[in-house]
PDB file of N, CA and C in Angstrom:
ATOM      1  N   MET A   1       0.833  -1.206   0.000  1.00  0.00           N
ATOM      2  CA  MET A   1       0.000   0.000   0.000  1.00  0.00           C
ATOM      3  C   MET A   1       0.864   1.251   0.000  1.00  0.00           C
ATOM      4  N   GLN A   2       1.943   1.257   0.762  1.00  0.00           N
ATOM      5  CA  GLN A   2       2.787   2.446   0.840  1.00  0.00           C
ATOM      6  C   GLN A   2       3.440   2.724  -0.515  1.00  0.00           C
ATOM      7  N   THR A   3       3.871   1.697  -1.212  1.00  0.00           N
ATOM      8  CA  THR A   3       4.466   1.875  -2.544  1.00  0.00           C
ATOM      9  C   THR A   3       3.422   2.383  -3.523  1.00  0.00           C
ATOM     10  N   THR A   4       2.215   1.845  -3.444  1.00  0.00           N
ATOM     11  CA  THR A   4       1.131   2.297  -4.315  1.00  0.00           C
ATOM     12  C   THR A   4       0.818   3.773  -4.068  1.00  0.00           C
ATOM     13  N   THR A   5       0.760   4.165  -2.823  1.00  0.00           N
ATOM     14  CA  THR A   5       0.499   5.558  -2.471  1.00  0.00           C
ATOM     15  C   THR A   5       1.577   6.470  -3.040  1.00  0.00           C
ATOM     16  N   PHE A   6       2.817   6.056  -2.888  1.00  0.00           N
ATOM     17  CA  PHE A   6       3.927   6.860  -3.383  1.00  0.00           C
ATOM     18  C   PHE A   6       3.879   6.976  -4.907  1.00  0.00           C
ATOM     19  N   LEU A   7       3.587   5.888  -5.596  1.00  0.00           N
ATOM     20  CA  LEU A   7       3.517   5.916  -7.057  1.00  0.00           C
ATOM     21  C   LEU A   7       2.361   6.783  -7.558  1.00  0.00           C
ATOM     22  N   ILE A   8       1.238   6.724  -6.873  1.00  0.00           N
ATOM     23  CA  ILE A   8       0.121   7.609  -7.217  1.00  0.00           C
ATOM     24  C   ILE A   8       0.535   9.059  -6.995  1.00  0.00           C
ATOM     25  N   GLY A   9       1.247   9.305  -5.882  1.00  0.00           N
ATOM     26  CA  GLY A   9       1.708  10.655  -5.558  1.00  0.00           C
ATOM     27  C   GLY A   9       2.696  11.214  -6.560  1.00  0.00           C
ATOM     28  N   LEU A  10       3.399  10.368  -7.268  1.00  0.00           N
ATOM     29  CA  LEU A  10       4.310  10.825  -8.316  1.00  0.00           C
ATOM     30  C   LEU A  10       3.643  10.891  -9.685  1.00  0.00           C
ATOM     31  N   THR A  11       2.822   9.905  -9.977  1.00  0.00           N
ATOM     32  CA  THR A  11       2.239   9.787 -11.319  1.00  0.00           C
ATOM     33  C   THR A  11       1.209  10.872 -11.620  1.00  0.00           C
ATOM     34  N   LEU A  12       0.281  11.121 -10.718  1.00  0.00           N
ATOM     35  CA  LEU A  12      -0.772  12.105 -10.987  1.00  0.00           C
ATOM     36  C   LEU A  12      -0.229  13.524 -11.223  1.00  0.00           C
ATOM     37  N   PRO A  13       0.636  14.051 -10.356  1.00  0.00           N
ATOM     38  CA  PRO A  13       1.137  15.400 -10.611  1.00  0.00           C
ATOM     39  C   PRO A  13       1.927  15.507 -11.921  1.00  0.00           C
ATOM     40  N   ILE A  14       2.703  14.484 -12.232  1.00  0.00           N
ATOM     41  CA  ILE A  14       3.477  14.506 -13.475  1.00  0.00           C
ATOM     42  C   ILE A  14       2.539  14.480 -14.681  1.00  0.00           C
ATOM     43  N   ALA A  15       1.510  13.642 -14.622  1.00  0.00           N
ATOM     44  CA  ALA A  15       0.553  13.558 -15.731  1.00  0.00           C
ATOM     45  C   ALA A  15      -0.215  14.868 -15.904  1.00  0.00           C
ATOM     46  N   ILE A  16      -0.650  15.453 -14.798  1.00  0.00           N
ATOM     47  CA  ILE A  16      -1.404  16.710 -14.863  1.00  0.00           C
ATOM     48  C   ILE A  16      -0.517  17.833 -15.407  1.00  0.00           C
ATOM     49  N   SER A  17       0.697  17.932 -14.910  1.00  0.00           N
ATOM     50  CA  SER A  17       1.616  18.983 -15.365  1.00  0.00           C
ATOM     51  C   SER A  17       1.968  18.818 -16.840  1.00  0.00           C
ATOM     52  N   THR A  18       2.185  17.602 -17.260  1.00  0.00           N
ATOM     53  CA  THR A  18       2.512  17.349 -18.670  1.00  0.00           C
ATOM     54  C   THR A  18       1.332  17.714 -19.561  1.00  0.00           C
ATOM     55  N   ALA A  19       0.126  17.340 -19.161  1.00  0.00           N
ATOM     56  CA  ALA A  19      -1.062  17.688 -19.951  1.00  0.00           C
ATOM     57  C   ALA A  19      -1.232  19.201 -20.048  1.00  0.00           C
ATOM     58  N   MET A  20      -1.029  19.896 -18.930  1.00  0.00           N
ATOM     59  CA  MET A  20      -1.152  21.362 -18.946  1.00  0.00           C
ATOM     60  C   MET A  20      -0.078  21.995 -19.825  1.00  0.00           C
ATOM     61  N   ALA A  21       1.138  21.492 -19.735  1.00  0.00           N
ATOM     62  CA  ALA A  21       2.236  22.038 -20.538  1.00  0.00           C
ATOM     63  C   ALA A  21       1.980  21.828 -22.025  1.00  0.00           C
ATOM     64  N   MET A  22       1.488  20.672 -22.389  1.00  0.00           N
ATOM     65  CA  MET A  22       1.206  20.396 -23.803  1.00  0.00           C
ATOM     66  C   MET A  22       0.066  21.280 -24.317  1.00  0.00           C
ATOM     67  N   TYR A  23      -0.898  21.545 -23.459  1.00  0.00           N
ATOM     68  CA  TYR A  23      -2.020  22.401 -23.837  1.00  0.00           C
ATOM     69  C   TYR A  23      -1.564  23.848 -24.028  1.00  0.00           C
ATOM     70  N   LEU A  24      -0.732  24.350 -23.133  1.00  0.00           N
ATOM     71  CA  LEU A  24      -0.314  25.756 -23.175  1.00  0.00           C
ATOM     72  C   LEU A  24       0.869  26.026 -24.102  1.00  0.00           C
ATOM     73  N   ARG A  25       1.658  25.016 -24.427  1.00  0.00           N
ATOM     74  CA  ARG A  25       2.907  25.209 -25.162  1.00  0.00           C
ATOM     75  C   ARG A  25       2.761  26.002 -26.463  1.00  0.00           C
ATOM     76  N   PRO A  26       1.831  25.669 -27.360  1.00  0.00           N
ATOM     77  CA  PRO A  26       1.782  26.398 -28.640  1.00  0.00           C
ATOM     78  C   PRO A  26       1.553  27.907 -28.472  1.00  0.00           C
ATOM     79  N   ILE A  27       0.601  28.279 -27.651  1.00  0.00           N
ATOM     80  CA  ILE A  27       0.309  29.705 -27.501  1.00  0.00           C
ATOM     81  C   ILE A  27       1.386  30.391 -26.672  1.00  0.00           C
ATOM     82  N   LEU A  28       1.898  29.710 -25.667  1.00  0.00           N
ATOM     83  CA  LEU A  28       2.973  30.283 -24.857  1.00  0.00           C
ATOM     84  C   LEU A  28       4.215  30.508 -25.707  1.00  0.00           C
ATOM     85  N   LYS A  29       4.483  29.585 -26.607  1.00  0.00           N
ATOM     86  CA  LYS A  29       5.664  29.721 -27.472  1.00  0.00           C
ATOM     87  C   LYS A  29       5.548  30.953 -28.361  1.00  0.00           C
ATOM     88  N   SER A  30       4.399  31.153 -28.978  1.00  0.00           N
ATOM     89  CA  SER A  30       4.262  32.316 -29.868  1.00  0.00           C
ATOM     90  C   SER A  30       4.355  33.627 -29.088  1.00  0.00           C
ATOM     91  N   VAL A  31       3.775  33.666 -27.891  1.00  0.00           N
ATOM     92  CA  VAL A  31       3.854  34.877 -27.073  1.00  0.00           C
ATOM     93  C   VAL A  31       5.291  35.127 -26.632  1.00  0.00           C
ATOM     94  N   LEU A  32       5.980  34.082 -26.203  1.00  0.00           N
ATOM     95  CA  LEU A  32       7.343  34.249 -25.726  1.00  0.00           C
ATOM     96  C   LEU A  32       8.324  34.572 -26.849  1.00  0.00           C
ATOM     97  N   ILE A  33       8.104  34.050 -28.037  1.00  0.00           N
ATOM     98  CA  ILE A  33       8.967  34.422 -29.165  1.00  0.00           C
ATOM     99  C   ILE A  33       8.835  35.909 -29.432  1.00  0.00           C
ATOM    100  N   GLU A  34       7.604  36.413 -29.377  1.00  0.00           N
ATOM    101  CA  GLU A  34       7.382  37.841 -29.583  1.00  0.00           C
ATOM    102  C   GLU A  34       8.048  38.668 -28.485  1.00  0.00           C
ATOM    103  N   LEU A  35       7.938  38.214 -27.237  1.00  0.00           N
ATOM    104  CA  LEU A  35       8.507  38.963 -26.126  1.00  0.00           C
ATOM    105  C   LEU A  35      10.025  38.843 -26.036  1.00  0.00           C
ATOM    106  N   CYS A  36      10.536  37.636 -26.302  1.00  0.00           N
ATOM    107  CA  CYS A  36      11.969  37.385 -26.114  1.00  0.00           C
ATOM    108  C   CYS A  36      12.811  37.704 -27.348  1.00  0.00           C
ATOM    109  N   GLY A  37      12.206  37.686 -28.494  1.00  0.00           N
ATOM    110  CA  GLY A  37      12.935  38.034 -29.707  1.00  0.00           C
ATOM    111  C   GLY A  37      13.470  36.852 -30.503  1.00  0.00           C
ATOM    112  N   THR A  38      13.796  35.745 -29.860  1.00  0.00           N
ATOM    113  CA  THR A  38      14.285  34.575 -30.587  1.00  0.00           C
ATOM    114  C   THR A  38      13.584  33.318 -30.079  1.00  0.00           C
ATOM    115  N   GLU A  39      13.612  32.294 -30.929  1.00  0.00           N
ATOM    116  CA  GLU A  39      12.978  31.028 -30.566  1.00  0.00           C
ATOM    117  C   GLU A  39      13.748  30.324 -29.447  1.00  0.00           C
ATOM    118  N   ASP A  40      15.079  30.448 -29.445  1.00  0.00           N
ATOM    119  CA  ASP A  40      15.879  29.815 -28.389  1.00  0.00           C
ATOM    120  C   ASP A  40      15.575  30.407 -27.019  1.00  0.00           C
ATOM    121  N   ARG A  41      15.453  31.709 -26.949  1.00  0.00           N
ATOM    122  CA  ARG A  41      15.128  32.358 -25.675  1.00  0.00           C
ATOM    123  C   ARG A  41      13.738  31.941 -25.197  1.00  0.00           C
ATOM    124  N   ALA A  42      12.808  31.903 -26.131  1.00  0.00           N
ATOM    125  CA  ALA A  42      11.450  31.483 -25.789  1.00  0.00           C
ATOM    126  C   ALA A  42      11.438  30.036 -25.293  1.00  0.00           C
ATOM    127  N   GLU A  43      12.213  29.175 -25.942  1.00  0.00           N
ATOM    128  CA  GLU A  43      12.272  27.767 -25.540  1.00  0.00           C
ATOM    129  C   GLU A  43      12.817  27.611 -24.124  1.00  0.00           C
ATOM    130  N   PHE A  44      13.790  28.436 -23.763  1.00  0.00           N
ATOM    131  CA  PHE A  44      14.320  28.411 -22.400  1.00  0.00           C
ATOM    132  C   PHE A  44      13.204  28.689 -21.393  1.00  0.00           C
ATOM    133  N   TRP A  45      12.412  29.723 -21.638  1.00  0.00           N
ATOM    134  CA  TRP A  45      11.348  30.080 -20.698  1.00  0.00           C
ATOM    135  C   TRP A  45      10.215  29.071 -20.702  1.00  0.00           C
ATOM    136  N   ILE A  46       9.967  28.440 -21.832  1.00  0.00           N
ATOM    137  CA  ILE A  46       8.953  27.384 -21.887  1.00  0.00           C
ATOM    138  C   ILE A  46       9.381  26.210 -21.018  1.00  0.00           C
ATOM    139  N   ARG A  47      10.659  25.836 -21.125  1.00  0.00           N
ATOM    140  CA  ARG A  47      11.155  24.725 -20.306  1.00  0.00           C
ATOM    141  C   ARG A  47      11.154  25.083 -18.822  1.00  0.00           C
ATOM    142  N   CYS A  48      11.508  26.312 -18.513  1.00  0.00           N
ATOM    143  CA  CYS A  48      11.450  26.751 -17.109  1.00  0.00           C
ATOM    144  C   CYS A  48      10.021  26.694 -16.581  1.00  0.00           C
ATOM    145  N   SER A  49       9.064  27.131 -17.389  1.00  0.00           N
ATOM    146  CA  SER A  49       7.671  27.107 -16.945  1.00  0.00           C
ATOM    147  C   SER A  49       7.174  25.677 -16.782  1.00  0.00           C
ATOM    148  N   PHE A  50       7.640  24.775 -17.642  1.00  0.00           N
ATOM    149  CA  PHE A  50       7.260  23.367 -17.503  1.00  0.00           C
ATOM    150  C   PHE A  50       7.798  22.796 -16.193  1.00  0.00           C
ATOM    151  N   LEU A  51       9.065  23.069 -15.899  1.00  0.00           N
ATOM    152  CA  LEU A  51       9.640  22.578 -14.643  1.00  0.00           C
ATOM    153  C   LEU A  51       8.942  23.189 -13.431  1.00  0.00           C
ATOM    154  N   LEU A  52       8.625  24.462 -13.519  1.00  0.00           N
ATOM    155  CA  LEU A  52       7.925  25.121 -12.416  1.00  0.00           C
ATOM    156  C   LEU A  52       6.555  24.488 -12.186  1.00  0.00           C
ATOM    157  N   SER A  53       5.823  24.223 -13.253  1.00  0.00           N
ATOM    158  CA  SER A  53       4.506  23.609 -13.084  1.00  0.00           C
ATOM    159  C   SER A  53       4.634  22.161 -12.592  1.00  0.00           C
ATOM    160  N   MET A  54       5.684  21.461 -13.032  1.00  0.00           N
ATOM    161  CA  MET A  54       5.906  20.091 -12.572  1.00  0.00           C
ATOM    162  C   MET A  54       6.197  20.083 -11.061  1.00  0.00           C
ATOM    163  N   LEU A  55       7.110  20.938 -10.649  1.00  0.00           N
ATOM    164  CA  LEU A  55       7.450  21.006  -9.223  1.00  0.00           C
ATOM    165  C   LEU A  55       6.296  21.586  -8.400  1.00  0.00           C
ATOM    166  N   GLY A  56       5.556  22.510  -8.998  1.00  0.00           N
ATOM    167  CA  GLY A  56       4.403  23.084  -8.315  1.00  0.00           C
ATOM    168  C   GLY A  56       3.343  22.050  -8.001  1.00  0.00           C
ATOM    169  N   GLY A  57       3.243  21.021  -8.821  1.00  0.00           N
ATOM    170  CA  GLY A  57       2.298  19.946  -8.551  1.00  0.00           C
ATOM    171  C   GLY A  57       2.863  18.874  -7.633  1.00  0.00           C
ATOM    172  N   LEU A  58       4.170  18.617  -7.738  1.00  0.00           N
ATOM    173  CA  LEU A  58       4.790  17.551  -6.950  1.00  0.00           C
ATOM    174  C   LEU A  58       5.032  17.928  -5.487  1.00  0.00           C
ATOM    175  N   ILE A  59       5.500  19.139  -5.254  1.00  0.00           N
ATOM    176  CA  ILE A  59       5.879  19.528  -3.898  1.00  0.00           C
ATOM    177  C   ILE A  59       4.707  19.454  -2.915  1.00  0.00           C
ATOM    178  N   PRO A  60       3.543  20.034  -3.233  1.00  0.00           N
ATOM    179  CA  PRO A  60       2.434  19.911  -2.268  1.00  0.00           C
ATOM    180  C   PRO A  60       1.993  18.461  -2.049  1.00  0.00           C
ATOM    181  N   VAL A  61       2.044  17.655  -3.102  1.00  0.00           N
ATOM    182  CA  VAL A  61       1.632  16.257  -2.955  1.00  0.00           C
ATOM    183  C   VAL A  61       2.579  15.531  -2.007  1.00  0.00           C
ATOM    184  N   LEU A  62       3.867  15.711  -2.226  1.00  0.00           N
ATOM    185  CA  LEU A  62       4.831  15.022  -1.372  1.00  0.00           C
ATOM    186  C   LEU A  62       4.816  15.564   0.054  1.00  0.00           C
ATOM    187  N   ALA A  63       4.455  16.835   0.204  1.00  0.00           N
ATOM    188  CA  ALA A  63       4.409  17.423   1.540  1.00  0.00           C
ATOM    189  C   ALA A  63       3.137  17.039   2.301  1.00  0.00           C
ATOM    190  N   PHE A  64       2.023  16.912   1.609  1.00  0.00           N
ATOM    191  CA  PHE A  64       0.739  16.733   2.292  1.00  0.00           C
ATOM    192  C   PHE A  64       0.047  15.407   2.002  1.00  0.00           C
ATOM    193  N   ILE A  65       0.722  14.493   1.332  1.00  0.00           N
ATOM    194  CA  ILE A  65       0.093  13.201   1.043  1.00  0.00           C
ATOM    195  C   ILE A  65      -0.187  12.472   2.358  1.00  0.00           C
ATOM    196  N   PRO A  66      -1.333  11.833   2.481  1.00  0.00           N
ATOM    197  CA  PRO A  66      -1.636  11.112   3.721  1.00  0.00           C
ATOM    198  C   PRO A  66      -0.631   9.982   3.948  1.00  0.00           C
ATOM    199  N   THR A  67      -0.120   9.892   5.150  1.00  0.00           N
ATOM    200  CA  THR A  67       0.851   8.846   5.456  1.00  0.00           C
ATOM    201  C   THR A  67       0.227   7.692   6.217  1.00  0.00           C
ATOM    202  N   SER A  68      -1.022   7.837   6.586  1.00  0.00           N
ATOM    203  CA  SER A  68      -1.712   6.784   7.315  1.00  0.00           C
ATOM    204  C   SER A  68      -2.037   5.630   6.371  1.00  0.00           C
ATOM    205  N   MET A  69      -1.746   4.450   6.799  1.00  0.00           N
ATOM    206  CA  MET A  69      -2.048   3.274   5.976  1.00  0.00           C
ATOM    207  C   MET A  69      -3.489   2.822   6.148  1.00  0.00           C
ATOM    208  N   ASN A  70      -4.225   3.495   7.023  1.00  0.00           N
ATOM    209  CA  ASN A  70      -5.614   3.118   7.271  1.00  0.00           C
ATOM    210  C   ASN A  70      -6.579   3.749   6.276  1.00  0.00           C
ATOM    211  N   GLU A  71      -6.127   4.747   5.536  1.00  0.00           N
ATOM    212  CA  GLU A  71      -7.022   5.426   4.598  1.00  0.00           C
ATOM    213  C   GLU A  71      -7.214   4.578   3.344  1.00  0.00           C
ATOM    214  N   PRO A  72      -8.416   4.567   2.804  1.00  0.00           N
ATOM    215  CA  PRO A  72      -8.655   3.835   1.550  1.00  0.00           C
ATOM    216  C   PRO A  72      -7.883   4.478   0.389  1.00  0.00           C
ATOM    217  N   LEU A  73      -7.580   3.670  -0.590  1.00  0.00           N
ATOM    218  CA  LEU A  73      -6.817   4.128  -1.753  1.00  0.00           C
ATOM    219  C   LEU A  73      -7.542   5.263  -2.480  1.00  0.00           C
ATOM    220  N   LEU A  74      -8.859   5.221  -2.517  1.00  0.00           N
ATOM    221  CA  LEU A  74      -9.629   6.274  -3.172  1.00  0.00           C
ATOM    222  C   LEU A  74      -9.446   7.621  -2.472  1.00  0.00           C
ATOM    223  N   ASP A  75      -9.425   7.625  -1.139  1.00  0.00           N
ATOM    224  CA  ASP A  75      -9.201   8.874  -0.399  1.00  0.00           C
ATOM    225  C   ASP A  75      -7.794   9.412  -0.636  1.00  0.00           C
ATOM    226  N   ILE A  76      -6.827   8.528  -0.665  1.00  0.00           N
ATOM    227  CA  ILE A  76      -5.447   8.949  -0.934  1.00  0.00           C
ATOM    228  C   ILE A  76      -5.351   9.545  -2.334  1.00  0.00           C
ATOM    229  N   THR A  77      -5.984   8.902  -3.292  1.00  0.00           N
ATOM    230  CA  THR A  77      -5.972   9.410  -4.673  1.00  0.00           C
ATOM    231  C   THR A  77      -6.637  10.776  -4.745  1.00  0.00           C
ATOM    232  N   ARG A  78      -7.723  10.962  -4.002  1.00  0.00           N
ATOM    233  CA  ARG A  78      -8.399  12.264  -3.984  1.00  0.00           C
ATOM    234  C   ARG A  78      -7.489  13.338  -3.403  1.00  0.00           C
ATOM    235  N   HIS A  79      -6.785  13.038  -2.330  1.00  0.00           N
ATOM    236  CA  HIS A  79      -5.846  13.996  -1.739  1.00  0.00           C
ATOM    237  C   HIS A  79      -4.738  14.347  -2.729  1.00  0.00           C
ATOM    238  N   VAL A  80      -4.197  13.336  -3.368  1.00  0.00           N
ATOM    239  CA  VAL A  80      -3.116  13.562  -4.337  1.00  0.00           C
ATOM    240  C   VAL A  80      -3.620  14.420  -5.487  1.00  0.00           C
ATOM    241  N   LEU A  81      -4.799  14.118  -5.996  1.00  0.00           N
ATOM    242  CA  LEU A  81      -5.362  14.902  -7.096  1.00  0.00           C
ATOM    243  C   LEU A  81      -5.613  16.343  -6.675  1.00  0.00           C
ATOM    244  N   MET A  82      -6.163  16.525  -5.485  1.00  0.00           N
ATOM    245  CA  MET A  82      -6.429  17.882  -4.994  1.00  0.00           C
ATOM    246  C   MET A  82      -5.135  18.689  -4.891  1.00  0.00           C
ATOM    247  N   TRP A  83      -4.111  18.145  -4.232  1.00  0.00           N
ATOM    248  CA  TRP A  83      -2.856  18.887  -4.063  1.00  0.00           C
ATOM    249  C   TRP A  83      -2.122  19.057  -5.382  1.00  0.00           C
ATOM    250  N   SER A  84      -2.256  18.107  -6.303  1.00  0.00           N
ATOM    251  CA  SER A  84      -1.652  18.264  -7.634  1.00  0.00           C
ATOM    252  C   SER A  84      -2.273  19.442  -8.365  1.00  0.00           C
ATOM    253  N   LEU A  85      -3.594  19.523  -8.321  1.00  0.00           N
ATOM    254  CA  LEU A  85      -4.286  20.611  -9.008  1.00  0.00           C
ATOM    255  C   LEU A  85      -4.021  21.963  -8.350  1.00  0.00           C
ATOM    256  N   VAL A  86      -3.974  21.999  -7.029  1.00  0.00           N
ATOM    257  CA  VAL A  86      -3.667  23.248  -6.329  1.00  0.00           C
ATOM    258  C   VAL A  86      -2.270  23.726  -6.705  1.00  0.00           C
ATOM    259  N   GLY A  87      -1.300  22.830  -6.647  1.00  0.00           N
ATOM    260  CA  GLY A  87       0.068  23.200  -6.993  1.00  0.00           C
ATOM    261  C   GLY A  87       0.214  23.629  -8.439  1.00  0.00           C
ATOM    262  N   ALA A  88      -0.426  22.900  -9.339  1.00  0.00           N
ATOM    263  CA  ALA A  88      -0.354  23.245 -10.761  1.00  0.00           C
ATOM    264  C   ALA A  88      -1.048  24.578 -11.027  1.00  0.00           C
ATOM    265  N   PHE A  89      -2.177  24.817 -10.367  1.00  0.00           N
ATOM    266  CA  PHE A  89      -2.883  26.085 -10.537  1.00  0.00           C
ATOM    267  C   PHE A  89      -2.021  27.256 -10.085  1.00  0.00           C
ATOM    268  N   VAL A  90      -1.399  27.126  -8.928  1.00  0.00           N
ATOM    269  CA  VAL A  90      -0.536  28.197  -8.421  1.00  0.00           C
ATOM    270  C   VAL A  90       0.629  28.445  -9.378  1.00  0.00           C
ATOM    271  N   ALA A  91       1.225  27.372  -9.876  1.00  0.00           N
ATOM    272  CA  ALA A  91       2.354  27.526 -10.802  1.00  0.00           C
ATOM    273  C   ALA A  91       1.924  28.217 -12.093  1.00  0.00           C
ATOM    274  N   VAL A  92       0.808  27.797 -12.668  1.00  0.00           N
ATOM    275  CA  VAL A  92       0.327  28.419 -13.914  1.00  0.00           C
ATOM    276  C   VAL A  92      -0.089  29.863 -13.664  1.00  0.00           C
ATOM    277  N   ALA A  93      -0.705  30.126 -12.525  1.00  0.00           N
ATOM    278  CA  ALA A  93      -1.078  31.510 -12.198  1.00  0.00           C
ATOM    279  C   ALA A  93       0.163  32.391 -12.072  1.00  0.00           C
ATOM    280  N   TRP A  94       1.196  31.870 -11.469  1.00  0.00           N
ATOM    281  CA  TRP A  94       2.441  32.619 -11.311  1.00  0.00           C
ATOM    282  C   TRP A  94       3.095  32.889 -12.668  1.00  0.00           C
ATOM    283  N   ILE A  95       3.128  31.880 -13.529  1.00  0.00           N
ATOM    284  CA  ILE A  95       3.689  32.044 -14.874  1.00  0.00           C
ATOM    285  C   ILE A  95       2.854  33.047 -15.664  1.00  0.00           C
ATOM    286  N   SER A  96       1.534  32.912 -15.590  1.00  0.00           N
ATOM    287  CA  SER A  96       0.641  33.817 -16.319  1.00  0.00           C
ATOM    288  C   SER A  96       0.812  35.258 -15.859  1.00  0.00           C
ATOM    289  N   ARG A  97       0.974  35.440 -14.570  1.00  0.00           N
ATOM    290  CA  ARG A  97       1.171  36.791 -14.030  1.00  0.00           C
ATOM    291  C   ARG A  97       2.469  37.396 -14.553  1.00  0.00           C
ATOM    292  N   ALA A  98       3.524  36.589 -14.608  1.00  0.00           N
ATOM    293  CA  ALA A  98       4.811  37.077 -15.106  1.00  0.00           C
ATOM    294  C   ALA A  98       4.726  37.454 -16.585  1.00  0.00           C
ATOM    295  N   VAL A  99       4.052  36.629 -17.365  1.00  0.00           N
ATOM    296  CA  VAL A  99       3.892  36.937 -18.797  1.00  0.00           C
ATOM    297  C   VAL A  99       3.000  38.157 -18.956  1.00  0.00           C
ATOM    298  N   TRP A 100       1.934  38.250 -18.170  1.00  0.00           N
ATOM    299  CA  TRP A 100       1.006  39.373 -18.259  1.00  0.00           C
ATOM    300  C   TRP A 100       1.721  40.693 -18.010  1.00  0.00           C
ATOM    301  N   LYS A 101       2.615  40.709 -17.027  1.00  0.00           N
ATOM    302  CA  LYS A 101       3.362  41.935 -16.736  1.00  0.00           C
ATOM    303  C   LYS A 101       4.195  42.381 -17.931  1.00  0.00           C
ATOM    304  N   CYS A 102       4.691  41.442 -18.696  1.00  0.00           N
ATOM    305  CA  CYS A 102       5.505  41.778 -19.871  1.00  0.00           C
ATOM    306  C   CYS A 102       4.658  42.161 -21.068  1.00  0.00           C
ATOM    307  N   VAL A 103       3.480  41.586 -21.170  1.00  0.00           N
ATOM    308  CA  VAL A 103       2.626  41.828 -22.330  1.00  0.00           C
ATOM    309  C   VAL A 103       1.898  43.153 -22.223  1.00  0.00           C
ATOM    310  N   THR A 104       1.368  43.500 -21.062  1.00  0.00           N
ATOM    311  CA  THR A 104       0.523  44.684 -20.951  1.00  0.00           C
ATOM    312  C   THR A 104       1.234  45.992 -21.266  1.00  0.00           C
ATOM    313  N   PRO A 105       2.499  46.218 -20.885  1.00  0.00           N
ATOM    314  CA  PRO A 105       3.113  47.481 -21.281  1.00  0.00           C
ATOM    315  C   PRO A 105       3.294  47.601 -22.794  1.00  0.00           C
ATOM    316  N   ALA A 106       3.450  46.474 -23.463  1.00  0.00           N
ATOM    317  CA  ALA A 106       3.656  46.503 -24.908  1.00  0.00           C
ATOM    318  C   ALA A 106       2.351  46.743 -25.666  1.00  0.00           C
ATOM    319  N   ALA A 107       1.236  46.472 -25.029  1.00  0.00           N
ATOM    320  CA  ALA A 107      -0.055  46.662 -25.688  1.00  0.00           C
ATOM    321  C   ALA A 107      -0.353  48.144 -25.843  1.00  0.00           C
ATOM    322  N   ALA A 108      -0.968  48.486 -26.961  1.00  0.00           N
ATOM    323  CA  ALA A 108      -1.325  49.883 -27.205  1.00  0.00           C
ATOM    324  C   ALA A 108      -2.468  50.288 -26.282  1.00  0.00           C
ATOM    325  N   PRO A 109      -2.424  51.506 -25.750  1.00  0.00           N
ATOM    326  CA  PRO A 109      -3.527  51.948 -24.887  1.00  0.00           C
ATOM    327  C   PRO A 109      -4.816  52.067 -25.689  1.00  0.00           C
ATOM    328  N   ARG A 110      -5.918  51.659 -25.064  1.00  0.00           N
ATOM    329  CA  ARG A 110      -7.214  51.741 -25.733  1.00  0.00           C
ATOM    330  C   ARG A 110      -7.956  52.959 -25.230  1.00  0.00           C
ATOM    331  N   ALA A 111      -8.646  53.613 -26.151  1.00  0.00           N
ATOM    332  CA  ALA A 111      -9.471  54.756 -25.768  1.00  0.00           C
ATOM    333  C   ALA A 111     -10.763  54.226 -25.156  1.00  0.00           C
ATOM    334  N   GLU A 112     -11.200  54.872 -24.092  1.00  0.00           N
ATOM    335  CA  GLU A 112     -12.470  54.483 -23.494  1.00  0.00           C
ATOM    336  C   GLU A 112     -13.600  54.964 -24.395  1.00  0.00           C
ATOM    337  N   THR A 113     -14.599  54.146 -24.517  1.00  0.00           N
ATOM    338  CA  THR A 113     -15.745  54.527 -25.357  1.00  0.00           C
ATOM    339  C   THR A 113     -17.006  54.531 -24.516  1.00  0.00           C
ATOM    340  N   TRP A 114     -17.930  55.355 -24.933  1.00  0.00           N
ATOM    341  CA  TRP A 114     -19.243  55.402 -24.318  1.00  0.00           C
ATOM    342  C   TRP A 114     -20.227  54.875 -25.323  1.00  0.00           C
ATOM    343  N   GLY A 115     -21.147  54.084 -25.012  1.00  0.00           N
ATOM    344  CA  GLY A 115     -22.156  53.449 -25.826  1.00  0.00           C
ATOM    345  C   GLY A 115     -22.108  53.677 -27.321  1.00  0.00           C
ATOM    346  N   THR A 116     -21.606  54.810 -27.813  1.00  0.00           N
ATOM    347  CA  THR A 116     -21.633  55.106 -29.246  1.00  0.00           C
ATOM    348  C   THR A 116     -20.471  54.492 -29.982  1.00  0.00           C
ATOM    349  N   GLY A 117     -19.440  54.029 -29.297  1.00  0.00           N
ATOM    350  CA  GLY A 117     -18.281  53.469 -29.976  1.00  0.00           C
ATOM    351  C   GLY A 117     -17.238  54.548 -30.252  1.00  0.00           C
ATOM    352  N   GLU A 118     -17.595  55.802 -29.962  1.00  0.00           N
ATOM    353  CA  GLU A 118     -16.667  56.912 -30.176  1.00  0.00           C
ATOM    354  C   GLU A 118     -15.783  57.092 -28.957  1.00  0.00           C
ATOM    355  N   PRO A 119     -14.514  57.475 -29.154  1.00  0.00           N
ATOM    356  CA  PRO A 119     -13.636  57.723 -28.012  1.00  0.00           C
ATOM    357  C   PRO A 119     -14.212  58.826 -27.126  1.00  0.00           C
ATOM    358  N   ALA A 120     -13.978  58.710 -25.841  1.00  0.00           N
ATOM    359  CA  ALA A 120     -14.495  59.691 -24.889  1.00  0.00           C
ATOM    360  C   ALA A 120     -13.720  60.983 -24.969  1.00  0.00           C
TER     361      ALA A 120
END
């Protein structure tokens, strides 16, 4: 049971982080190429973000996984899934915030409009 718990604690966060990275990679790459100037620089930050999301999912699971052998496997899996998602969410939010800070100054200011579509 202890080996099964540990393997679940490693497998779920890695699978969730990999799925998220594969989903975000295409759009993140195009944004980072624009911000960084070259594909190599963008690739560096993509890999850093992947590692951050991987560790963001693994660390809470390894820190808070139930150690009691009396808990059913389903409860342990639920705990692992919850902490994996919390960690991955925090990591993606942190990455998104960092990218957002770089993107917003580059965006052109928009004129405020009132119902007519005309600038105020």
